[in-house]
Amino acid sequence: MNLSEVCVCVRLLFLVIYNISTYGMYTYAIFSTPYYDTFEERYKNILTINKSPTGELVKLIRQIKFFQLSPFKSIKRVICGYGIYLNGTTLATVDDIPELFSFLTMNGYTIDTNLTKMMNDSDVRINDEYKLVAYIHF
């Protein structure tokens, strides 16, 4: 399978797994994702979301480009994604989870702890580089 076929497969997988809408609610997945920040010239685990959301959260989301983390390891993920910016200029990291959860609950989002626990306890993994933080509904 060539790279373009892999990208198509990954995108289809995301569509199948995460484009779930139940009873008029939309479900989103928030991940901790390793990221090389070219401005700060360092690696960090940023918070990403699987697709552009509805509601107030959309104001915190920007499309970002992922860079290869190591010349010895090929990229196993989509080249572009959606990063979460809590203060407008800096990508949110795992240290910002409490602030993000506060924002989400104040703006009508529900953090689905049952679905998050079920997926974290299962053997199903989207990608070795992503770590599921939470599923949310709006």
Protein backbone atom coordinates (compact mmCIF):
# COMPACT_ATOMS: atom_id res chain seq x y z
CA MET A 1 0.00 0.00 0.00
CA ASN A 2 1.44 3.39 -0.93
CA LEU A 3 1.31 6.56 1.19
CA SER A 4 -1.74 8.06 -0.52
CA GLU A 5 -3.70 4.84 -0.01
CA VAL A 6 -2.68 4.80 3.66
CA CYS A 7 -3.86 8.42 4.09
CA VAL A 8 -7.22 7.56 2.51
CA CYS A 9 -7.58 4.55 4.82
CA VAL A 10 -6.73 6.61 7.91
CA ARG A 11 -9.22 9.31 6.97
CA LEU A 12 -11.95 6.74 6.30
CA LEU A 13 -11.21 5.11 9.65
CA PHE A 14 -11.63 8.47 11.39
CA LEU A 15 -14.89 9.07 9.55
CA VAL A 16 -16.27 5.68 10.46
CA ILE A 17 -15.21 5.71 14.10
CA TYR A 18 -15.64 9.33 15.10
CA ASN A 19 -18.33 10.87 12.95
CA ILE A 20 -20.93 9.54 15.32
CA SER A 21 -23.92 11.71 16.03
CA THR A 22 -26.43 10.43 18.51
CA TYR A 23 -29.78 12.04 19.28
CA GLY A 24 -28.68 15.32 17.71
CA MET A 25 -25.43 15.36 19.66
CA TYR A 26 -22.02 15.26 18.04
CA THR A 27 -19.19 13.19 19.47
CA TYR A 28 -15.57 14.34 19.34
CA ALA A 29 -12.34 12.71 20.50
CA ILE A 30 -9.63 14.73 22.22
CA PHE A 31 -6.12 13.31 22.06
CA SER A 32 -2.70 13.97 23.51
CA THR A 33 -0.46 13.99 20.45
CA PRO A 34 3.32 14.26 20.24
CA TYR A 35 4.28 17.37 18.32
CA TYR A 36 7.49 19.11 17.32
CA ASP A 37 7.06 22.86 17.83
CA THR A 38 9.29 24.48 15.20
CA PHE A 39 8.99 27.91 16.85
CA GLU A 40 10.08 26.72 20.32
CA GLU A 41 12.29 24.00 18.76
CA ARG A 42 11.12 21.34 21.19
CA TYR A 43 8.83 18.33 21.44
CA LYS A 44 5.64 18.45 23.49
CA ASN A 45 2.35 16.60 23.85
CA ILE A 46 -0.38 18.87 22.53
CA LEU A 47 -4.15 18.50 22.69
CA THR A 48 -5.84 17.77 19.38
CA ILE A 49 -9.38 17.00 18.31
CA ASN A 50 -10.45 14.59 15.59
CA LYS A 51 -12.55 17.08 13.58
CA SER A 52 -13.69 20.68 13.58
CA PRO A 53 -16.37 20.95 16.28
CA THR A 54 -19.63 22.83 16.60
CA GLY A 55 -20.34 25.33 19.35
CA GLU A 56 -17.91 27.63 21.18
CA LEU A 57 -15.06 25.12 20.99
CA VAL A 58 -14.64 25.89 17.29
CA LYS A 59 -13.16 29.28 18.32
CA LEU A 60 -10.23 27.47 19.96
CA ILE A 61 -9.45 25.17 17.04
CA ARG A 62 -6.95 25.75 14.25
CA GLN A 63 -5.66 23.44 11.59
CA ILE A 64 -2.03 22.52 12.21
CA LYS A 65 0.68 20.64 10.35
CA PHE A 66 2.41 17.67 11.95
CA PHE A 67 6.11 17.26 11.32
CA GLN A 68 8.00 13.99 11.30
CA LEU A 69 9.14 13.37 14.87
CA SER A 70 12.24 11.38 13.91
CA PRO A 71 14.14 10.78 10.69
CA PHE A 72 14.20 7.09 11.66
CA LYS A 73 10.45 6.72 12.05
CA SER A 74 7.89 7.32 9.32
CA ILE A 75 4.75 9.34 10.01
CA LYS A 76 1.84 7.02 10.80
CA ARG A 77 -0.75 9.74 11.02
CA VAL A 78 -2.50 12.37 9.00
CA ILE A 79 -0.12 15.21 8.07
CA CYS A 80 -2.60 17.91 9.16
CA GLY A 81 -4.92 17.97 12.14
CA TYR A 82 -6.85 20.21 14.50
CA GLY A 83 -4.96 21.75 17.41
CA ILE A 84 -6.56 23.35 20.46
CA TYR A 85 -5.42 26.87 21.39
CA LEU A 86 -6.67 27.93 24.84
CA ASN A 87 -4.98 31.33 24.97
CA GLY A 88 -5.18 32.13 21.27
CA THR A 89 -1.49 31.88 20.40
CA THR A 90 -0.07 28.73 22.01
CA LEU A 91 -1.12 25.14 21.43
CA ALA A 92 -2.71 23.59 24.51
CA THR A 93 -0.72 20.80 26.15
CA VAL A 94 -1.65 18.07 28.60
CA ASP A 95 -0.96 20.57 31.40
CA ASP A 96 -3.97 22.56 30.12
CA ILE A 97 -6.50 19.71 30.48
CA PRO A 98 -8.17 21.18 33.62
CA GLU A 99 -8.64 24.54 31.88
CA LEU A 100 -9.98 22.83 28.75
CA PHE A 101 -12.44 20.70 30.75
CA SER A 102 -13.63 23.81 32.58
CA PHE A 103 -14.19 25.60 29.26
CA LEU A 104 -16.06 22.61 27.86
CA THR A 105 -18.45 22.24 30.80
CA MET A 106 -19.12 25.99 30.97
CA ASN A 107 -20.04 25.96 27.26
CA GLY A 108 -22.49 23.04 27.23
CA TYR A 109 -20.22 20.14 26.29
CA THR A 110 -20.44 16.82 28.12
CA ILE A 111 -17.32 14.82 28.92
CA ASP A 112 -18.24 11.17 28.35
CA THR A 113 -16.22 9.37 31.01
CA ASN A 114 -17.89 6.01 30.34
CA LEU A 115 -17.02 5.97 26.63
CA THR A 116 -13.52 7.28 27.36
CA LYS A 117 -12.90 4.57 29.96
CA MET A 118 -14.29 1.85 27.69
CA MET A 119 -11.99 2.86 24.81
CA ASN A 120 -8.93 3.31 27.05
CA ASP A 121 -9.53 -0.14 28.60
CA SER A 122 -9.98 -1.86 25.23
CA ASP A 123 -7.27 -3.16 22.93
CA VAL A 124 -8.45 -0.87 20.12
CA ARG A 125 -5.89 1.82 19.30
CA ILE A 126 -6.17 4.46 16.59
CA ASN A 127 -2.45 5.02 16.42
CA ASP A 128 0.50 4.27 18.71
CA GLU A 129 1.33 7.98 18.84
CA TYR A 130 -2.12 9.24 19.93
CA LYS A 131 -3.35 8.91 23.51
CA LEU A 132 -7.07 9.34 24.04
CA VAL A 133 -7.80 12.04 26.63
CA ALA A 134 -11.60 12.15 26.43
CA TYR A 135 -14.68 11.82 24.32
CA ILE A 136 -16.98 14.82 24.46
CA HIS A 137 -20.52 15.46 23.22
CA PHE A 138 -22.23 18.64 22.13
